Amino acid sequence: MLLYAFVVGVVICLYFDAFRIIRIAFRHPDFLVLIEDILFSIGALIITLSYFSNHTNGSVRAYLMSG
């Protein structure tokens, strides 16, 4: 399970790097940067929650949500 958690972390890092590359290559107004940050957060949340759901058989555990 630790290896899978590491892989999920790497995937989220690569996802973030893709946003950074787009942000550096094309200058945006601050409003669009805010939208990109929200989209990244939603995507990272979906990836993380799907990992939790798959490895805990769909049950929500307090220690996962606390940190």
Protein backbone atom coordinates (compact mmCIF):
# COMPACT_ATOMS: atom_id res chain seq x y z
CA MET A 1 0.00 0.00 0.00
CA LEU A 2 2.91 2.34 0.67
CA LEU A 3 4.21 1.83 -2.86
CA TYR A 4 0.80 2.66 -4.31
CA ALA A 5 0.65 5.80 -2.18
CA PHE A 6 4.07 6.78 -3.52
CA VAL A 7 2.87 6.24 -7.11
CA VAL A 8 -0.22 8.38 -6.46
CA GLY A 9 2.05 11.12 -5.12
CA VAL A 10 4.23 10.94 -8.24
CA VAL A 11 1.15 11.17 -10.47
CA ILE A 12 -0.08 14.25 -8.62
CA CYS A 13 3.40 15.82 -8.91
CA LEU A 14 3.45 15.22 -12.67
CA TYR A 15 -0.07 16.64 -12.92
CA PHE A 16 1.12 19.77 -11.06
CA ASP A 17 4.19 20.05 -13.29
CA ALA A 18 1.95 20.03 -16.36
CA PHE A 19 0.08 23.03 -14.93
CA ARG A 20 3.39 24.77 -14.18
CA ILE A 21 4.66 24.21 -17.74
CA ILE A 22 1.47 25.68 -19.18
CA ARG A 23 1.68 28.61 -16.75
CA ILE A 24 5.31 29.36 -17.68
CA ALA A 25 4.84 28.90 -21.44
CA PHE A 26 1.74 31.10 -21.65
CA ARG A 27 1.40 34.11 -19.38
CA HIS A 28 -2.11 34.39 -17.91
CA PRO A 29 -4.10 37.00 -16.06
CA ASP A 30 -4.44 36.37 -12.34
CA PHE A 31 -8.06 35.26 -12.72
CA LEU A 32 -7.08 32.38 -15.03
CA VAL A 33 -4.31 31.34 -12.62
CA LEU A 34 -6.98 31.10 -9.93
CA ILE A 35 -9.14 28.91 -12.21
CA GLU A 36 -6.12 26.68 -12.97
CA ASP A 37 -5.41 26.30 -9.25
CA ILE A 38 -9.00 25.31 -8.58
CA LEU A 39 -8.92 22.76 -11.43
CA PHE A 40 -5.68 21.31 -10.10
CA SER A 41 -7.11 21.03 -6.59
CA ILE A 42 -10.24 19.27 -7.84
CA GLY A 43 -8.16 16.88 -9.96
CA ALA A 44 -5.79 16.08 -7.10
CA LEU A 45 -8.79 15.52 -4.81
CA ILE A 46 -10.35 13.08 -7.28
CA ILE A 47 -7.08 11.18 -7.64
CA THR A 48 -6.56 11.01 -3.87
CA LEU A 49 -10.13 10.02 -3.04
CA SER A 50 -10.17 7.32 -5.71
CA TYR A 51 -6.96 5.91 -4.22
CA PHE A 52 -8.49 5.93 -0.73
CA SER A 53 -11.69 4.37 -2.00
CA ASN A 54 -9.88 1.57 -3.82
CA HIS A 55 -7.58 0.67 -0.95
CA THR A 56 -10.02 0.90 1.95
CA ASN A 57 -12.93 -0.88 0.23
CA GLY A 58 -14.92 2.34 0.05
CA SER A 59 -15.00 3.05 3.78
CA VAL A 60 -14.07 6.48 5.08
CA ARG A 61 -11.55 6.31 7.89
CA ALA A 62 -10.90 9.17 10.25
CA TYR A 63 -7.11 8.86 10.17
CA LEU A 64 -7.12 9.26 6.38
CA MET A 65 -9.14 12.45 6.54
CA SER A 66 -7.11 13.91 9.40
CA GLY A 67 -3.92 13.93 7.65
